């Protein structure tokens, strides 16, 4: 596509016959939070993103976290105008300012692709019927 619509992938689950839109956000590797803090992964997302799901990717570890847009709104630690900021400390010694939020990478384990995709796409049922979910790339 020649324009960025906010949807990078469309995934289809044959189990429920539904297609879901996904926006992919990537990080090359963890970096110091705020430029000089503890090591963290972070991503920015537009509040008005049209995608149903957001895939947060860490290229250095090849990990992917999958969240619904409403979960991103719920767990984003910062909001700035029309954007949401989600981060995960990779340094276990990091001491977040607010204790009532998910902040460390391990606290997001339930959203790891391998732990979450079966809920969203009914993958277990699809595997039993020998019909894997299909993914279609829609943007550059």
C-alpha atoms as a PDB file:
ATOM      1  CA  UNK A   1       0.000   0.000   0.000  1.00  0.00           C
ATOM      2  CA  UNK A   2       1.180   3.518  -0.652  1.00  0.00           C
ATOM      3  CA  UNK A   3      -0.332   5.020   2.495  1.00  0.00           C
ATOM      4  CA  UNK A   4      -0.183   4.057   6.157  1.00  0.00           C
ATOM      5  CA  UNK A   5      -3.717   3.257   7.248  1.00  0.00           C
ATOM      6  CA  UNK A   6      -2.672   1.968  10.674  1.00  0.00           C
ATOM      7  CA  UNK A   7      -3.306  -1.656   9.699  1.00  0.00           C
ATOM      8  CA  UNK A   8      -0.269  -3.790   8.836  1.00  0.00           C
ATOM      9  CA  UNK A   9      -1.773  -7.290   8.863  1.00  0.00           C
ATOM     10  CA  UNK A  10      -5.127  -8.960   8.622  1.00  0.00           C
ATOM     11  CA  UNK A  11      -5.393 -12.353  10.333  1.00  0.00           C
ATOM     12  CA  UNK A  12      -8.192 -14.775   9.631  1.00  0.00           C
ATOM     13  CA  UNK A  13      -9.292 -17.525  12.015  1.00  0.00           C
ATOM     14  CA  UNK A  14     -11.142 -20.326  10.245  1.00  0.00           C
ATOM     15  CA  UNK A  15     -12.577 -21.485  13.571  1.00  0.00           C
ATOM     16  CA  UNK A  16     -14.794 -18.444  14.081  1.00  0.00           C
ATOM     17  CA  UNK A  17     -14.717 -17.124  10.514  1.00  0.00           C
ATOM     18  CA  UNK A  18     -13.525 -13.716  11.689  1.00  0.00           C
ATOM     19  CA  UNK A  19     -10.762 -11.504  10.321  1.00  0.00           C
ATOM     20  CA  UNK A  20      -8.860  -9.254  12.727  1.00  0.00           C
ATOM     21  CA  UNK A  21      -6.771  -6.205  11.887  1.00  0.00           C
ATOM     22  CA  UNK A  22      -3.310  -5.842  13.435  1.00  0.00           C
ATOM     23  CA  UNK A  23      -0.911  -2.946  13.723  1.00  0.00           C
ATOM     24  CA  UNK A  24       2.722  -3.966  14.210  1.00  0.00           C
ATOM     25  CA  UNK A  25       5.076  -1.841  16.328  1.00  0.00           C
ATOM     26  CA  UNK A  26       8.748  -2.833  16.440  1.00  0.00           C
ATOM     27  CA  UNK A  27      11.808  -2.181  18.563  1.00  0.00           C
ATOM     28  CA  UNK A  28      15.345  -3.102  17.515  1.00  0.00           C
ATOM     29  CA  UNK A  29      16.493  -3.604  21.104  1.00  0.00           C
ATOM     30  CA  UNK A  30      16.008  -2.316  24.629  1.00  0.00           C
ATOM     31  CA  UNK A  31      17.426   1.126  25.394  1.00  0.00           C
ATOM     32  CA  UNK A  32      17.839   3.301  28.478  1.00  0.00           C
ATOM     33  CA  UNK A  33      14.448   4.629  29.633  1.00  0.00           C
ATOM     34  CA  UNK A  34      14.299   8.405  29.267  1.00  0.00           C
ATOM     35  CA  UNK A  35      17.744   8.281  27.632  1.00  0.00           C
ATOM     36  CA  UNK A  36      19.673   7.505  30.829  1.00  0.00           C
ATOM     37  CA  UNK A  37      17.451   5.194  32.911  1.00  0.00           C
ATOM     38  CA  UNK A  38      17.171   1.440  33.234  1.00  0.00           C
ATOM     39  CA  UNK A  39      16.961  -0.682  30.092  1.00  0.00           C
ATOM     40  CA  UNK A  40      13.473  -0.871  28.576  1.00  0.00           C
ATOM     41  CA  UNK A  41      11.510  -1.610  25.430  1.00  0.00           C
ATOM     42  CA  UNK A  42       8.968   1.011  24.451  1.00  0.00           C
ATOM     43  CA  UNK A  43       6.430   1.702  21.746  1.00  0.00           C
ATOM     44  CA  UNK A  44       4.135   4.590  20.836  1.00  0.00           C
ATOM     45  CA  UNK A  45       0.666   4.023  19.400  1.00  0.00           C
ATOM     46  CA  UNK A  46      -1.927   6.481  18.130  1.00  0.00           C
ATOM     47  CA  UNK A  47      -5.070   6.485  20.286  1.00  0.00           C
ATOM     48  CA  UNK A  48      -7.182   6.463  17.135  1.00  0.00           C
ATOM     49  CA  UNK A  49      -5.458   3.466  15.577  1.00  0.00           C
ATOM     50  CA  UNK A  50      -8.074   1.587  13.540  1.00  0.00           C
ATOM     51  CA  UNK A  51      -6.510  -1.842  14.222  1.00  0.00           C
ATOM     52  CA  UNK A  52      -8.259  -4.247  16.551  1.00  0.00           C
ATOM     53  CA  UNK A  53      -4.987  -5.735  17.773  1.00  0.00           C
ATOM     54  CA  UNK A  54      -1.469  -4.428  18.272  1.00  0.00           C
ATOM     55  CA  UNK A  55       1.622  -6.640  17.978  1.00  0.00           C
ATOM     56  CA  UNK A  56       4.583  -5.269  19.929  1.00  0.00           C
ATOM     57  CA  UNK A  57       7.809  -6.772  18.590  1.00  0.00           C
ATOM     58  CA  UNK A  58      11.307  -6.872  20.081  1.00  0.00           C
ATOM     59  CA  UNK A  59      13.587  -7.785  17.173  1.00  0.00           C
ATOM     60  CA  UNK A  60      16.609  -8.504  19.405  1.00  0.00           C
ATOM     61  CA  UNK A  61      14.842 -11.286  21.330  1.00  0.00           C
ATOM     62  CA  UNK A  62      12.298 -12.158  18.608  1.00  0.00           C
ATOM     63  CA  UNK A  63       9.498 -11.805  21.160  1.00  0.00           C
ATOM     64  CA  UNK A  64       6.034 -10.611  20.221  1.00  0.00           C
ATOM     65  CA  UNK A  65       3.318  -9.383  22.583  1.00  0.00           C
ATOM     66  CA  UNK A  66      -0.240  -9.193  21.276  1.00  0.00           C
ATOM     67  CA  UNK A  67      -2.871  -6.932  22.835  1.00  0.00           C
ATOM     68  CA  UNK A  68      -6.266  -5.616  21.891  1.00  0.00           C
ATOM     69  CA  UNK A  69      -6.401  -1.873  21.340  1.00  0.00           C
ATOM     70  CA  UNK A  70      -8.470  -1.527  24.530  1.00  0.00           C
ATOM     71  CA  UNK A  71      -5.819  -3.454  26.500  1.00  0.00           C
ATOM     72  CA  UNK A  72      -3.156  -1.074  25.197  1.00  0.00           C
ATOM     73  CA  UNK A  73      -5.290   1.832  26.399  1.00  0.00           C
ATOM     74  CA  UNK A  74      -5.640   0.143  29.795  1.00  0.00           C
ATOM     75  CA  UNK A  75      -1.963  -0.762  30.300  1.00  0.00           C
ATOM     76  CA  UNK A  76      -0.152   2.135  28.586  1.00  0.00           C
ATOM     77  CA  UNK A  77       1.873   3.903  31.237  1.00  0.00           C
ATOM     78  CA  UNK A  78       1.820   7.293  29.554  1.00  0.00           C
ATOM     79  CA  UNK A  79      -0.538   9.315  27.402  1.00  0.00           C
ATOM     80  CA  UNK A  80       0.621  12.252  25.379  1.00  0.00           C
ATOM     81  CA  UNK A  81      -1.975  14.081  23.334  1.00  0.00           C
ATOM     82  CA  UNK A  82      -3.245  11.615  20.769  1.00  0.00           C
ATOM     83  CA  UNK A  83      -0.675   8.901  21.541  1.00  0.00           C
ATOM     84  CA  UNK A  84      -0.244   6.048  24.019  1.00  0.00           C
ATOM     85  CA  UNK A  85       3.161   4.994  25.329  1.00  0.00           C
ATOM     86  CA  UNK A  86       3.697   1.386  26.437  1.00  0.00           C
ATOM     87  CA  UNK A  87       7.011   0.304  27.897  1.00  0.00           C
ATOM     88  CA  UNK A  88       8.529  -2.758  29.561  1.00  0.00           C
ATOM     89  CA  UNK A  89      11.648  -2.659  31.685  1.00  0.00           C
ATOM     90  CA  UNK A  90      14.042  -5.427  30.676  1.00  0.00           C
ATOM     91  CA  UNK A  91      16.334  -4.586  33.596  1.00  0.00           C
ATOM     92  CA  UNK A  92      14.963  -6.454  36.655  1.00  0.00           C
ATOM     93  CA  UNK A  93      16.497  -3.863  39.008  1.00  0.00           C
ATOM     94  CA  UNK A  94      14.323  -1.067  37.599  1.00  0.00           C
ATOM     95  CA  UNK A  95      12.121   0.560  40.232  1.00  0.00           C
ATOM     96  CA  UNK A  96       9.054   2.079  38.562  1.00  0.00           C
ATOM     97  CA  UNK A  97       7.613   5.229  40.123  1.00  0.00           C
ATOM     98  CA  UNK A  98       4.068   3.874  40.169  1.00  0.00           C
ATOM     99  CA  UNK A  99       3.620   0.427  41.676  1.00  0.00           C
ATOM    100  CA  UNK A 100       0.046  -0.076  40.439  1.00  0.00           C
ATOM    101  CA  UNK A 101       1.030  -0.545  36.774  1.00  0.00           C
ATOM    102  CA  UNK A 102       2.607  -3.325  34.796  1.00  0.00           C
ATOM    103  CA  UNK A 103       6.162  -2.170  34.157  1.00  0.00           C
ATOM    104  CA  UNK A 104       8.559  -5.113  33.848  1.00  0.00           C
ATOM    105  CA  UNK A 105       8.810  -7.394  30.849  1.00  0.00           C
ATOM    106  CA  UNK A 106       7.817 -10.504  32.839  1.00  0.00           C
ATOM    107  CA  UNK A 107       4.592  -8.802  33.951  1.00  0.00           C
ATOM    108  CA  UNK A 108       3.448  -8.830  30.310  1.00  0.00           C
ATOM    109  CA  UNK A 109       4.039 -12.593  29.821  1.00  0.00           C
ATOM    110  CA  UNK A 110       0.318 -13.302  29.448  1.00  0.00           C
ATOM    111  CA  UNK A 111       0.402 -11.134  26.295  1.00  0.00           C
ATOM    112  CA  UNK A 112       3.274 -13.039  24.650  1.00  0.00           C
ATOM    113  CA  UNK A 113       2.084 -14.285  21.280  1.00  0.00           C
ATOM    114  CA  UNK A 114       2.409 -17.937  22.270  1.00  0.00           C
ATOM    115  CA  UNK A 115       0.322 -17.346  25.427  1.00  0.00           C
ATOM    116  CA  UNK A 116      -2.319 -15.082  23.881  1.00  0.00           C
ATOM    117  CA  UNK A 117      -2.946 -16.058  20.271  1.00  0.00           C
ATOM    118  CA  UNK A 118      -5.083 -19.089  21.098  1.00  0.00           C
ATOM    119  CA  UNK A 119      -7.553 -16.875  22.969  1.00  0.00           C
ATOM    120  CA  UNK A 120      -7.806 -14.342  20.163  1.00  0.00           C
ATOM    121  CA  UNK A 121      -7.841 -16.690  17.185  1.00  0.00           C
ATOM    122  CA  UNK A 122      -9.196 -19.969  18.617  1.00  0.00           C
ATOM    123  CA  UNK A 123      -5.927 -21.589  17.506  1.00  0.00           C
ATOM    124  CA  UNK A 124      -6.336 -24.772  19.578  1.00  0.00           C
ATOM    125  CA  UNK A 125      -9.636 -25.532  17.882  1.00  0.00           C
ATOM    126  CA  UNK A 126      -8.168 -24.622  14.502  1.00  0.00           C
ATOM    127  CA  UNK A 127      -5.230 -26.990  15.035  1.00  0.00           C
ATOM    128  CA  UNK A 128      -7.607 -29.829  15.924  1.00  0.00           C
ATOM    129  CA  UNK A 129      -9.471 -29.308  12.666  1.00  0.00           C
ATOM    130  CA  UNK A 130      -6.163 -29.016  10.791  1.00  0.00           C
ATOM    131  CA  UNK A 131      -6.995 -25.459   9.651  1.00  0.00           C
ATOM    132  CA  UNK A 132      -4.300 -23.037  10.845  1.00  0.00           C
ATOM    133  CA  UNK A 133      -5.005 -19.321  11.108  1.00  0.00           C
ATOM    134  CA  UNK A 134      -4.030 -17.358   8.016  1.00  0.00           C
ATOM    135  CA  UNK A 135      -2.171 -14.040   8.057  1.00  0.00           C
ATOM    136  CA  UNK A 136      -2.263 -11.543   5.213  1.00  0.00           C
ATOM    137  CA  UNK A 137       0.081  -8.580   4.908  1.00  0.00           C
ATOM    138  CA  UNK A 138      -1.753  -5.384   3.991  1.00  0.00           C
ATOM    139  CA  UNK A 139       0.867  -2.631   4.286  1.00  0.00           C
ATOM    140  CA  UNK A 140       4.556  -1.913   3.948  1.00  0.00           C
END
